Amino acid sequence: MWSHPSVLYDPHEIQVLKHLAMDGAMEDFIPVSSGELGRELGLSQQTASRRILDLLDKGLIQRELGARRQLIRLTEDGMKALQTEYADYVSIFEVRDRVSLRGTVVSGLGEGR
């Protein structure tokens, strides 16, 4: 059975990581402005900027600063955070039919051998 990880991520962090990943930040750096991110997530620009800085401080994203936008990419730890979240959902929603058989194997007689 899957055990709950010792590291728990803030739901707000997961929300931003998921959004960035869906925009392609797992594969490469993507341009992101905190204003656009805020609008897309229903946050103020200041809150979106704080969330980006928090993710950066925790090593969940990498950032390169550009003239108008920053370029952001998920780190290995950022991807692991999303994988942990995914594993939680799998354990909640995945149906697990288990079959258990008990018995003794014996050789057959005649044609049933």
PDB file of N, CA and C in Angstrom:
ATOM      1  N   MET A   1       0.844  -1.185   0.000  1.00  0.00           N
ATOM      2  CA  MET A   1       0.000   0.000   0.000  1.00  0.00           C
ATOM      3  C   MET A   1       0.882   1.237   0.000  1.00  0.00           C
ATOM      4  N   TRP A   2       0.407   2.294  -0.640  1.00  0.00           N
ATOM      5  CA  TRP A   2       1.158   3.539  -0.750  1.00  0.00           C
ATOM      6  C   TRP A   2       1.131   4.242   0.588  1.00  0.00           C
ATOM      7  N   SER A   3       2.275   4.762   1.018  1.00  0.00           N
ATOM      8  CA  SER A   3       2.328   5.507   2.277  1.00  0.00           C
ATOM      9  C   SER A   3       2.443   6.990   1.986  1.00  0.00           C
ATOM     10  N   HIS A   4       1.854   7.776   2.854  1.00  0.00           N
ATOM     11  CA  HIS A   4       1.855   9.224   2.674  1.00  0.00           C
ATOM     12  C   HIS A   4       3.268   9.762   2.853  1.00  0.00           C
ATOM     13  N   PRO A   5       3.724  10.654   1.976  1.00  0.00           N
ATOM     14  CA  PRO A   5       5.092  11.160   2.058  1.00  0.00           C
ATOM     15  C   PRO A   5       5.277  12.056   3.277  1.00  0.00           C
ATOM     16  N   SER A   6       6.526  12.181   3.697  1.00  0.00           N
ATOM     17  CA  SER A   6       6.815  13.044   4.838  1.00  0.00           C
ATOM     18  C   SER A   6       6.784  14.520   4.452  1.00  0.00           C
ATOM     19  N   VAL A   7       6.979  14.825   3.168  1.00  0.00           N
ATOM     20  CA  VAL A   7       6.949  16.209   2.708  1.00  0.00           C
ATOM     21  C   VAL A   7       5.548  16.518   2.192  1.00  0.00           C
ATOM     22  N   LEU A   8       4.921  17.504   2.790  1.00  0.00           N
ATOM     23  CA  LEU A   8       3.608  17.938   2.320  1.00  0.00           C
ATOM     24  C   LEU A   8       3.765  19.298   1.661  1.00  0.00           C
ATOM     25  N   TYR A   9       3.140  19.458   0.521  1.00  0.00           N
ATOM     26  CA  TYR A   9       3.241  20.704  -0.220  1.00  0.00           C
ATOM     27  C   TYR A   9       1.976  21.516  -0.013  1.00  0.00           C
ATOM     28  N   ASP A  10       2.156  22.804   0.045  1.00  0.00           N
ATOM     29  CA  ASP A  10       1.037  23.730   0.183  1.00  0.00           C
ATOM     30  C   ASP A  10       0.163  23.627  -1.070  1.00  0.00           C
ATOM     31  N   PRO A  11      -1.158  23.576  -0.901  1.00  0.00           N
ATOM     32  CA  PRO A  11      -2.050  23.489  -2.069  1.00  0.00           C
ATOM     33  C   PRO A  11      -1.852  24.640  -3.055  1.00  0.00           C
ATOM     34  N   HIS A  12      -1.466  25.815  -2.549  1.00  0.00           N
ATOM     35  CA  HIS A  12      -1.218  26.949  -3.439  1.00  0.00           C
ATOM     36  C   HIS A  12       0.017  26.702  -4.299  1.00  0.00           C
ATOM     37  N   GLU A  13       1.024  26.060  -3.718  1.00  0.00           N
ATOM     38  CA  GLU A  13       2.221  25.716  -4.486  1.00  0.00           C
ATOM     39  C   GLU A  13       1.864  24.732  -5.592  1.00  0.00           C
ATOM     40  N   ILE A  14       1.084  23.724  -5.236  1.00  0.00           N
ATOM     41  CA  ILE A  14       0.684  22.712  -6.215  1.00  0.00           C
ATOM     42  C   ILE A  14      -0.122  23.353  -7.336  1.00  0.00           C
ATOM     43  N   GLN A  15      -1.018  24.276  -6.985  1.00  0.00           N
ATOM     44  CA  GLN A  15      -1.836  24.955  -7.987  1.00  0.00           C
ATOM     45  C   GLN A  15      -0.951  25.662  -9.022  1.00  0.00           C
ATOM     46  N   VAL A  16       0.054  26.375  -8.561  1.00  0.00           N
ATOM     47  CA  VAL A  16       0.940  27.099  -9.473  1.00  0.00           C
ATOM     48  C   VAL A  16       1.813  26.125 -10.255  1.00  0.00           C
ATOM     49  N   LEU A  17       2.369  25.126  -9.581  1.00  0.00           N
ATOM     50  CA  LEU A  17       3.195  24.134 -10.275  1.00  0.00           C
ATOM     51  C   LEU A  17       2.397  23.434 -11.367  1.00  0.00           C
ATOM     52  N   LYS A  18       1.163  23.048 -11.059  1.00  0.00           N
ATOM     53  CA  LYS A  18       0.314  22.369 -12.039  1.00  0.00           C
ATOM     54  C   LYS A  18       0.059  23.280 -13.238  1.00  0.00           C
ATOM     55  N   HIS A  19      -0.237  24.519 -12.968  1.00  0.00           N
ATOM     56  CA  HIS A  19      -0.493  25.476 -14.052  1.00  0.00           C
ATOM     57  C   HIS A  19       0.746  25.644 -14.939  1.00  0.00           C
ATOM     58  N   LEU A  20       1.901  25.799 -14.303  1.00  0.00           N
ATOM     59  CA  LEU A  20       3.144  25.953 -15.061  1.00  0.00           C
ATOM     60  C   LEU A  20       3.442  24.698 -15.883  1.00  0.00           C
ATOM     61  N   ALA A  21       3.234  23.524 -15.274  1.00  0.00           N
ATOM     62  CA  ALA A  21       3.485  22.261 -15.978  1.00  0.00           C
ATOM     63  C   ALA A  21       2.564  22.122 -17.191  1.00  0.00           C
ATOM     64  N   MET A  22       1.306  22.507 -17.023  1.00  0.00           N
ATOM     65  CA  MET A  22       0.353  22.410 -18.134  1.00  0.00           C
ATOM     66  C   MET A  22       0.714  23.375 -19.262  1.00  0.00           C
ATOM     67  N   ASP A  23       1.442  24.426 -18.926  1.00  0.00           N
ATOM     68  CA  ASP A  23       1.906  25.377 -19.953  1.00  0.00           C
ATOM     69  C   ASP A  23       3.241  24.959 -20.568  1.00  0.00           C
ATOM     70  N   GLY A  24       3.823  23.846 -20.110  1.00  0.00           N
ATOM     71  CA  GLY A  24       5.047  23.334 -20.720  1.00  0.00           C
ATOM     72  C   GLY A  24       6.307  23.484 -19.902  1.00  0.00           C
ATOM     73  N   ALA A  25       6.200  23.918 -18.648  1.00  0.00           N
ATOM     74  CA  ALA A  25       7.392  24.185 -17.835  1.00  0.00           C
ATOM     75  C   ALA A  25       8.103  22.937 -17.331  1.00  0.00           C
ATOM     76  N   MET A  26       7.586  21.757 -17.626  1.00  0.00           N
ATOM     77  CA  MET A  26       8.318  20.537 -17.267  1.00  0.00           C
ATOM     78  C   MET A  26       9.381  20.229 -18.312  1.00  0.00           C
ATOM     79  N   GLU A  27       9.117  20.644 -19.547  1.00  0.00           N
ATOM     80  CA  GLU A  27      10.022  20.332 -20.649  1.00  0.00           C
ATOM     81  C   GLU A  27      11.065  21.407 -20.894  1.00  0.00           C
ATOM     82  N   ASP A  28      10.680  22.670 -20.664  1.00  0.00           N
ATOM     83  CA  ASP A  28      11.586  23.764 -21.017  1.00  0.00           C
ATOM     84  C   ASP A  28      11.176  25.019 -20.249  1.00  0.00           C
ATOM     85  N   PHE A  29      12.009  26.037 -20.326  1.00  0.00           N
ATOM     86  CA  PHE A  29      11.665  27.328 -19.734  1.00  0.00           C
ATOM     87  C   PHE A  29      10.506  27.925 -20.531  1.00  0.00           C
ATOM     88  N   ILE A  30       9.540  28.495 -19.811  1.00  0.00           N
ATOM     89  CA  ILE A  30       8.418  29.167 -20.468  1.00  0.00           C
ATOM     90  C   ILE A  30       8.347  30.612 -19.973  1.00  0.00           C
ATOM     91  N   PRO A  31       7.927  31.538 -20.849  1.00  0.00           N
ATOM     92  CA  PRO A  31       7.789  32.926 -20.401  1.00  0.00           C
ATOM     93  C   PRO A  31       6.555  33.085 -19.522  1.00  0.00           C
ATOM     94  N   VAL A  32       6.735  33.755 -18.385  1.00  0.00           N
ATOM     95  CA  VAL A  32       5.638  33.952 -17.433  1.00  0.00           C
ATOM     96  C   VAL A  32       5.744  35.355 -16.860  1.00  0.00           C
ATOM     97  N   SER A  33       4.626  36.063 -16.839  1.00  0.00           N
ATOM     98  CA  SER A  33       4.582  37.318 -16.095  1.00  0.00           C
ATOM     99  C   SER A  33       3.679  37.079 -14.893  1.00  0.00           C
ATOM    100  N   SER A  34       4.009  37.675 -13.780  1.00  0.00           N
ATOM    101  CA  SER A  34       3.207  37.464 -12.578  1.00  0.00           C
ATOM    102  C   SER A  34       1.796  38.026 -12.759  1.00  0.00           C
ATOM    103  N   GLY A  35       1.650  39.070 -13.570  1.00  0.00           N
ATOM    104  CA  GLY A  35       0.321  39.614 -13.850  1.00  0.00           C
ATOM    105  C   GLY A  35      -0.552  38.616 -14.595  1.00  0.00           C
ATOM    106  N   GLU A  36       0.013  38.011 -15.650  1.00  0.00           N
ATOM    107  CA  GLU A  36      -0.734  37.010 -16.423  1.00  0.00           C
ATOM    108  C   GLU A  36      -1.043  35.784 -15.570  1.00  0.00           C
ATOM    109  N   LEU A  37      -0.053  35.334 -14.820  1.00  0.00           N
ATOM    110  CA  LEU A  37      -0.261  34.180 -13.951  1.00  0.00           C
ATOM    111  C   LEU A  37      -1.372  34.468 -12.946  1.00  0.00           C
ATOM    112  N   GLY A  38      -1.346  35.645 -12.369  1.00  0.00           N
ATOM    113  CA  GLY A  38      -2.384  36.031 -11.422  1.00  0.00           C
ATOM    114  C   GLY A  38      -3.765  36.016 -12.057  1.00  0.00           C
ATOM    115  N   ARG A  39      -3.883  36.587 -13.240  1.00  0.00           N
ATOM    116  CA  ARG A  39      -5.184  36.598 -13.938  1.00  0.00           C
ATOM    117  C   ARG A  39      -5.660  35.185 -14.223  1.00  0.00           C
ATOM    118  N   GLU A  40      -4.754  34.330 -14.682  1.00  0.00           N
ATOM    119  CA  GLU A  40      -5.126  32.959 -15.037  1.00  0.00           C
ATOM    120  C   GLU A  40      -5.537  32.136 -13.815  1.00  0.00           C
ATOM    121  N   LEU A  41      -4.978  32.463 -12.658  1.00  0.00           N
ATOM    122  CA  LEU A  41      -5.291  31.701 -11.436  1.00  0.00           C
ATOM    123  C   LEU A  41      -6.259  32.429 -10.502  1.00  0.00           C
ATOM    124  N   GLY A  42      -6.713  33.601 -10.908  1.00  0.00           N
ATOM    125  CA  GLY A  42      -7.637  34.357 -10.068  1.00  0.00           C
ATOM    126  C   GLY A  42      -6.967  34.975  -8.860  1.00  0.00           C
ATOM    127  N   LEU A  43      -5.717  35.401  -9.027  1.00  0.00           N
ATOM    128  CA  LEU A  43      -4.932  36.000  -7.945  1.00  0.00           C
ATOM    129  C   LEU A  43      -4.517  37.412  -8.340  1.00  0.00           C
ATOM    130  N   SER A  44      -4.147  38.184  -7.349  1.00  0.00           N
ATOM    131  CA  SER A  44      -3.576  39.488  -7.667  1.00  0.00           C
ATOM    132  C   SER A  44      -2.164  39.276  -8.216  1.00  0.00           C
ATOM    133  N   GLN A  45      -1.655  40.297  -8.888  1.00  0.00           N
ATOM    134  CA  GLN A  45      -0.290  40.226  -9.421  1.00  0.00           C
ATOM    135  C   GLN A  45       0.700  40.041  -8.284  1.00  0.00           C
ATOM    136  N   GLN A  46       0.461  40.717  -7.160  1.00  0.00           N
ATOM    137  CA  GLN A  46       1.370  40.636  -6.015  1.00  0.00           C
ATOM    138  C   GLN A  46       1.383  39.225  -5.423  1.00  0.00           C
ATOM    139  N   THR A  47       0.202  38.613  -5.304  1.00  0.00           N
ATOM    140  CA  THR A  47       0.123  37.254  -4.766  1.00  0.00           C
ATOM    141  C   THR A  47       0.805  36.266  -5.704  1.00  0.00           C
ATOM    142  N   ALA A  48       0.575  36.408  -7.000  1.00  0.00           N
ATOM    143  CA  ALA A  48       1.222  35.529  -7.975  1.00  0.00           C
ATOM    144  C   ALA A  48       2.739  35.678  -7.902  1.00  0.00           C
ATOM    145  N   SER A  49       3.221  36.898  -7.764  1.00  0.00           N
ATOM    146  CA  SER A  49       4.652  37.146  -7.648  1.00  0.00           C
ATOM    147  C   SER A  49       5.212  36.484  -6.397  1.00  0.00           C
ATOM    148  N   ARG A  50       4.486  36.592  -5.285  1.00  0.00           N
ATOM    149  CA  ARG A  50       4.920  35.941  -4.036  1.00  0.00           C
ATOM    150  C   ARG A  50       4.965  34.425  -4.179  1.00  0.00           C
ATOM    151  N   ARG A  51       3.986  33.881  -4.869  1.00  0.00           N
ATOM    152  CA  ARG A  51       3.955  32.416  -5.064  1.00  0.00           C
ATOM    153  C   ARG A  51       5.160  31.967  -5.885  1.00  0.00           C
ATOM    154  N   ILE A  52       5.500  32.725  -6.909  1.00  0.00           N
ATOM    155  CA  ILE A  52       6.674  32.400  -7.723  1.00  0.00           C
ATOM    156  C   ILE A  52       7.932  32.455  -6.867  1.00  0.00           C
ATOM    157  N   LEU A  53       8.075  33.504  -6.060  1.00  0.00           N
ATOM    158  CA  LEU A  53       9.253  33.633  -5.196  1.00  0.00           C
ATOM    159  C   LEU A  53       9.319  32.510  -4.169  1.00  0.00           C
ATOM    160  N   ASP A  54       8.175  32.098  -3.620  1.00  0.00           N
ATOM    161  CA  ASP A  54       8.144  30.984  -2.672  1.00  0.00           C
ATOM    162  C   ASP A  54       8.615  29.692  -3.339  1.00  0.00           C
ATOM    163  N   LEU A  55       8.113  29.439  -4.551  1.00  0.00           N
ATOM    164  CA  LEU A  55       8.525  28.232  -5.284  1.00  0.00           C
ATOM    165  C   LEU A  55      10.014  28.267  -5.601  1.00  0.00           C
ATOM    166  N   LEU A  56      10.508  29.442  -5.928  1.00  0.00           N
ATOM    167  CA  LEU A  56      11.931  29.615  -6.214  1.00  0.00           C
ATOM    168  C   LEU A  56      12.761  29.358  -4.961  1.00  0.00           C
ATOM    169  N   ASP A  57      12.342  29.932  -3.820  1.00  0.00           N
ATOM    170  CA  ASP A  57      13.049  29.736  -2.556  1.00  0.00           C
ATOM    171  C   ASP A  57      13.078  28.276  -2.127  1.00  0.00           C
ATOM    172  N   LYS A  58      12.024  27.534  -2.443  1.00  0.00           N
ATOM    173  CA  LYS A  58      11.942  26.119  -2.051  1.00  0.00           C
ATOM    174  C   LYS A  58      12.590  25.198  -3.065  1.00  0.00           C
ATOM    175  N   GLY A  59      13.132  25.769  -4.146  1.00  0.00           N
ATOM    176  CA  GLY A  59      13.821  24.961  -5.150  1.00  0.00           C
ATOM    177  C   GLY A  59      12.892  24.164  -6.037  1.00  0.00           C
ATOM    178  N   LEU A  60      11.629  24.579  -6.148  1.00  0.00           N
ATOM    179  CA  LEU A  60      10.663  23.848  -6.960  1.00  0.00           C
ATOM    180  C   LEU A  60      10.622  24.348  -8.402  1.00  0.00           C
ATOM    181  N   ILE A  61      11.169  25.553  -8.638  1.00  0.00           N
ATOM    182  CA  ILE A  61      11.278  26.092  -9.994  1.00  0.00           C
ATOM    183  C   ILE A  61      12.640  26.736 -10.180  1.00  0.00           C
ATOM    184  N   GLN A  62      13.028  26.894 -11.436  1.00  0.00           N
ATOM    185  CA  GLN A  62      14.205  27.681 -11.823  1.00  0.00           C
ATOM    186  C   GLN A  62      13.677  28.908 -12.548  1.00  0.00           C
ATOM    187  N   ARG A  63      14.397  30.000 -12.447  1.00  0.00           N
ATOM    188  CA  ARG A  63      13.936  31.223 -13.101  1.00  0.00           C
ATOM    189  C   ARG A  63      15.099  31.939 -13.745  1.00  0.00           C
ATOM    190  N   GLU A  64      14.855  32.463 -14.939  1.00  0.00           N
ATOM    191  CA  GLU A  64      15.775  33.372 -15.618  1.00  0.00           C
ATOM    192  C   GLU A  64      14.993  34.643 -15.880  1.00  0.00           C
ATOM    193  N   LEU A  65      15.589  35.771 -15.553  1.00  0.00           N
ATOM    194  CA  LEU A  65      14.888  37.040 -15.728  1.00  0.00           C
ATOM    195  C   LEU A  65      15.091  37.582 -17.131  1.00  0.00           C
ATOM    196  N   GLY A  66      13.967  38.003 -17.745  1.00  0.00           N
ATOM    197  CA  GLY A  66      13.999  38.619 -19.057  1.00  0.00           C
ATOM    198  C   GLY A  66      13.598  40.075 -18.936  1.00  0.00           C
ATOM    199  N   ALA A  67      13.503  40.777 -20.054  1.00  0.00           N
ATOM    200  CA  ALA A  67      13.160  42.196 -20.041  1.00  0.00           C
ATOM    201  C   ALA A  67      11.732  42.428 -19.548  1.00  0.00           C
ATOM    202  N   ARG A  68      10.773  41.703 -20.105  1.00  0.00           N
ATOM    203  CA  ARG A  68       9.369  41.908 -19.721  1.00  0.00           C
ATOM    204  C   ARG A  68       8.808  40.732 -18.941  1.00  0.00           C
ATOM    205  N   ARG A  69       9.342  39.571 -19.184  1.00  0.00           N
ATOM    206  CA  ARG A  69       8.834  38.365 -18.540  1.00  0.00           C
ATOM    207  C   ARG A  69       9.995  37.569 -17.983  1.00  0.00           C
ATOM    208  N   GLN A  70       9.664  36.774 -17.023  1.00  0.00           N
ATOM    209  CA  GLN A  70      10.646  35.831 -16.509  1.00  0.00           C
ATOM    210  C   GLN A  70      10.442  34.489 -17.202  1.00  0.00           C
ATOM    211  N   LEU A  71      11.498  33.736 -17.309  1.00  0.00           N
ATOM    212  CA  LEU A  71      11.415  32.396 -17.866  1.00  0.00           C
ATOM    213  C   LEU A  71      11.473  31.420 -16.698  1.00  0.00           C
ATOM    214  N   ILE A  72      10.516  30.504 -16.662  1.00  0.00           N
ATOM    215  CA  ILE A  72      10.404  29.586 -15.529  1.00  0.00           C
ATOM    216  C   ILE A  72      10.348  28.154 -16.023  1.00  0.00           C
ATOM    217  N   ARG A  73      11.003  27.286 -15.258  1.00  0.00           N
ATOM    218  CA  ARG A  73      10.997  25.852 -15.540  1.00  0.00           C
ATOM    219  C   ARG A  73      10.905  25.111 -14.215  1.00  0.00           C
ATOM    220  N   LEU A  74      10.165  24.019 -14.173  1.00  0.00           N
ATOM    221  CA  LEU A  74      10.092  23.210 -12.962  1.00  0.00           C
ATOM    222  C   LEU A  74      11.412  22.482 -12.752  1.00  0.00           C
ATOM    223  N   THR A  75      11.830  22.392 -11.508  1.00  0.00           N
ATOM    224  CA  THR A  75      13.016  21.614 -11.175  1.00  0.00           C
ATOM    225  C   THR A  75      12.594  20.163 -10.950  1.00  0.00           C
ATOM    226  N   GLU A  76      13.569  19.325 -10.716  1.00  0.00           N
ATOM    227  CA  GLU A  76      13.302  17.918 -10.393  1.00  0.00           C
ATOM    228  C   GLU A  76      12.405  17.837  -9.156  1.00  0.00           C
ATOM    229  N   ASP A  77      12.681  18.667  -8.143  1.00  0.00           N
ATOM    230  CA  ASP A  77      11.857  18.674  -6.928  1.00  0.00           C
ATOM    231  C   ASP A  77      10.443  19.161  -7.215  1.00  0.00           C
ATOM    232  N   GLY A  78      10.299  20.115  -8.125  1.00  0.00           N
ATOM    233  CA  GLY A  78       8.975  20.586  -8.511  1.00  0.00           C
ATOM    234  C   GLY A  78       8.167  19.482  -9.179  1.00  0.00           C
ATOM    235  N   MET A  79       8.830  18.721 -10.028  1.00  0.00           N
ATOM    236  CA  MET A  79       8.151  17.595 -10.688  1.00  0.00           C
ATOM    237  C   MET A  79       7.793  16.514  -9.674  1.00  0.00           C
ATOM    238  N   LYS A  80       8.674  16.287  -8.706  1.00  0.00           N
ATOM    239  CA  LYS A  80       8.377  15.301  -7.652  1.00  0.00           C
ATOM    240  C   LYS A  80       7.173  15.727  -6.826  1.00  0.00           C
ATOM    241  N   ALA A  81       7.037  17.027  -6.584  1.00  0.00           N
ATOM    242  CA  ALA A  81       5.876  17.534  -5.841  1.00  0.00           C
ATOM    243  C   ALA A  81       4.590  17.202  -6.590  1.00  0.00           C
ATOM    244  N   LEU A  82       4.590  17.384  -7.908  1.00  0.00           N
ATOM    245  CA  LEU A  82       3.413  17.060  -8.702  1.00  0.00           C
ATOM    246  C   LEU A  82       3.177  15.556  -8.745  1.00  0.00           C
ATOM    247  N   GLN A  83       4.252  14.780  -8.792  1.00  0.00           N
ATOM    248  CA  GLN A  83       4.104  13.323  -8.780  1.00  0.00           C
ATOM    249  C   GLN A  83       3.508  12.848  -7.459  1.00  0.00           C
ATOM    250  N   THR A  84       3.895  13.482  -6.361  1.00  0.00           N
ATOM    251  CA  THR A  84       3.330  13.155  -5.057  1.00  0.00           C
ATOM    252  C   THR A  84       1.837  13.458  -5.037  1.00  0.00           C
ATOM    253  N   GLU A  85       1.466  14.600  -5.577  1.00  0.00           N
ATOM    254  CA  GLU A  85       0.052  14.981  -5.661  1.00  0.00           C
ATOM    255  C   GLU A  85      -0.712  13.975  -6.520  1.00  0.00           C
ATOM    256  N   TYR A  86      -0.119  13.592  -7.633  1.00  0.00           N
ATOM    257  CA  TYR A  86      -0.736  12.606  -8.524  1.00  0.00           C
ATOM    258  C   TYR A  86      -0.938  11.273  -7.792  1.00  0.00           C
ATOM    259  N   ALA A  87       0.079  10.834  -7.063  1.00  0.00           N
ATOM    260  CA  ALA A  87      -0.020   9.569  -6.332  1.00  0.00           C
ATOM    261  C   ALA A  87      -1.152   9.619  -5.301  1.00  0.00           C
ATOM    262  N   ASP A  88      -1.335  10.776  -4.675  1.00  0.00           N
ATOM    263  CA  ASP A  88      -2.453  10.931  -3.740  1.00  0.00           C
ATOM    264  C   ASP A  88      -3.783  10.711  -4.452  1.00  0.00           C
ATOM    265  N   TYR A  89      -3.944  11.324  -5.615  1.00  0.00           N
ATOM    266  CA  TYR A  89      -5.196  11.185  -6.355  1.00  0.00           C
ATOM    267  C   TYR A  89      -5.397   9.760  -6.853  1.00  0.00           C
ATOM    268  N   VAL A  90      -4.333   9.111  -7.267  1.00  0.00           N
ATOM    269  CA  VAL A  90      -4.448   7.717  -7.699  1.00  0.00           C
ATOM    270  C   VAL A  90      -4.936   6.865  -6.535  1.00  0.00           C
ATOM    271  N   SER A  91      -4.379   7.088  -5.348  1.00  0.00           N
ATOM    272  CA  SER A  91      -4.796   6.281  -4.199  1.00  0.00           C
ATOM    273  C   SER A  91      -6.241   6.560  -3.807  1.00  0.00           C
ATOM    274  N   ILE A  92      -6.749   7.741  -4.113  1.00  0.00           N
ATOM    275  CA  ILE A  92      -8.141   8.072  -3.804  1.00  0.00           C
ATOM    276  C   ILE A  92      -9.093   7.479  -4.841  1.00  0.00           C
ATOM    277  N   PHE A  93      -8.767   7.636  -6.117  1.00  0.00           N
ATOM    278  CA  PHE A  93      -9.726   7.318  -7.165  1.00  0.00           C
ATOM    279  C   PHE A  93      -9.532   5.980  -7.869  1.00  0.00           C
ATOM    280  N   GLU A  94      -8.362   5.401  -7.790  1.00  0.00           N
ATOM    281  CA  GLU A  94      -8.120   4.161  -8.513  1.00  0.00           C
ATOM    282  C   GLU A  94      -8.792   3.001  -7.793  1.00  0.00           C
ATOM    283  N   VAL A  95      -9.548   2.226  -8.554  1.00  0.00           N
ATOM    284  CA  VAL A  95     -10.219   1.062  -7.985  1.00  0.00           C
ATOM    285  C   VAL A  95      -9.198  -0.057  -7.896  1.00  0.00           C
ATOM    286  N   ARG A  96      -9.160  -0.642  -6.750  1.00  0.00           N
ATOM    287  CA  ARG A  96      -8.208  -1.740  -6.549  1.00  0.00           C
ATOM    288  C   ARG A  96      -8.971  -3.016  -6.236  1.00  0.00           C
ATOM    289  N   ASP A  97      -9.167  -3.825  -7.255  1.00  0.00           N
ATOM    290  CA  ASP A  97      -9.761  -5.136  -7.050  1.00  0.00           C
ATOM    291  C   ASP A  97      -8.625  -6.086  -6.723  1.00  0.00           C
ATOM    292  N   ARG A  98      -8.765  -6.729  -5.605  1.00  0.00           N
ATOM    293  CA  ARG A  98      -7.714  -7.660  -5.211  1.00  0.00           C
ATOM    294  C   ARG A  98      -8.302  -9.061  -5.121  1.00  0.00           C
ATOM    295  N   VAL A  99      -7.591  -9.974  -5.670  1.00  0.00           N
ATOM    296  CA  VAL A  99      -7.996 -11.370  -5.619  1.00  0.00           C
ATOM    297  C   VAL A  99      -6.933 -12.118  -4.850  1.00  0.00           C
ATOM    298  N   SER A 100      -7.376 -12.909  -3.902  1.00  0.00           N
ATOM    299  CA  SER A 100      -6.450 -13.700  -3.110  1.00  0.00           C
ATOM    300  C   SER A 100      -6.838 -15.164  -3.253  1.00  0.00           C
ATOM    301  N   LEU A 101      -5.880 -15.986  -3.627  1.00  0.00           N
ATOM    302  CA  LEU A 101      -6.116 -17.421  -3.779  1.00  0.00           C
ATOM    303  C   LEU A 101      -5.309 -18.178  -2.745  1.00  0.00           C
ATOM    304  N   ARG A 102      -5.947 -19.169  -2.161  1.00  0.00           N
ATOM    305  CA  ARG A 102      -5.245 -20.047  -1.226  1.00  0.00           C
ATOM    306  C   ARG A 102      -5.512 -21.477  -1.634  1.00  0.00           C
ATOM    307  N   GLY A 103      -4.532 -22.304  -1.462  1.00  0.00           N
ATOM    308  CA  GLY A 103      -4.722 -23.710  -1.800  1.00  0.00           C
ATOM    309  C   GLY A 103      -3.384 -24.418  -1.871  1.00  0.00           C
ATOM    310  N   THR A 104      -3.469 -25.634  -2.280  1.00  0.00           N
ATOM    311  CA  THR A 104      -2.281 -26.462  -2.415  1.00  0.00           C
ATOM    312  C   THR A 104      -2.239 -27.001  -3.833  1.00  0.00           C
ATOM    313  N   VAL A 105      -1.095 -26.918  -4.459  1.00  0.00           N
ATOM    314  CA  VAL A 105      -0.931 -27.442  -5.806  1.00  0.00           C
ATOM    315  C   VAL A 105      -0.537 -28.901  -5.695  1.00  0.00           C
ATOM    316  N   VAL A 106      -1.310 -29.741  -6.373  1.00  0.00           N
ATOM    317  CA  VAL A 106      -1.006 -31.167  -6.400  1.00  0.00           C
ATOM    318  C   VAL A 106      -1.017 -31.640  -7.830  1.00  0.00           C
ATOM    319  N   SER A 107      -0.361 -32.734  -8.093  1.00  0.00           N
ATOM    320  CA  SER A 107      -0.367 -33.255  -9.456  1.00  0.00           C
ATOM    321  C   SER A 107      -1.678 -33.977  -9.694  1.00  0.00           C
ATOM    322  N   GLY A 108      -2.111 -33.999 -10.941  1.00  0.00           N
ATOM    323  CA  GLY A 108      -3.358 -34.671 -11.298  1.00  0.00           C
ATOM    324  C   GLY A 108      -3.138 -36.144 -11.569  1.00  0.00           C
ATOM    325  N   LEU A 109      -4.246 -36.821 -11.776  1.00  0.00           N
ATOM    326  CA  LEU A 109      -4.194 -38.241 -12.093  1.00  0.00           C
ATOM    327  C   LEU A 109      -4.668 -38.457 -13.518  1.00  0.00           C
ATOM    328  N   GLY A 110      -4.125 -39.391 -14.206  1.00  0.00           N
ATOM    329  CA  GLY A 110      -4.557 -39.729 -15.546  1.00  0.00           C
ATOM    330  C   GLY A 110      -4.397 -38.560 -16.496  1.00  0.00           C
ATOM    331  N   GLU A 111      -5.498 -38.211 -17.199  1.00  0.00           N
ATOM    332  CA  GLU A 111      -5.449 -37.126 -18.184  1.00  0.00           C
ATOM    333  C   GLU A 111      -5.290 -35.760 -17.535  1.00  0.00           C
ATOM    334  N   GLY A 112      -5.655 -35.580 -16.285  1.00  0.00           N
ATOM    335  CA  GLY A 112      -5.577 -34.302 -15.606  1.00  0.00           C
ATOM    336  C   GLY A 112      -4.218 -33.956 -15.026  1.00  0.00           C
ATOM    337  N   ARG A 113      -3.227 -34.825 -15.287  1.00  0.00           N
ATOM    338  CA  ARG A 113      -1.912 -34.572 -14.716  1.00  0.00           C
ATOM    339  C   ARG A 113      -1.273 -33.330 -15.219  1.00  0.00           C
TER     340      ARG A 113
END
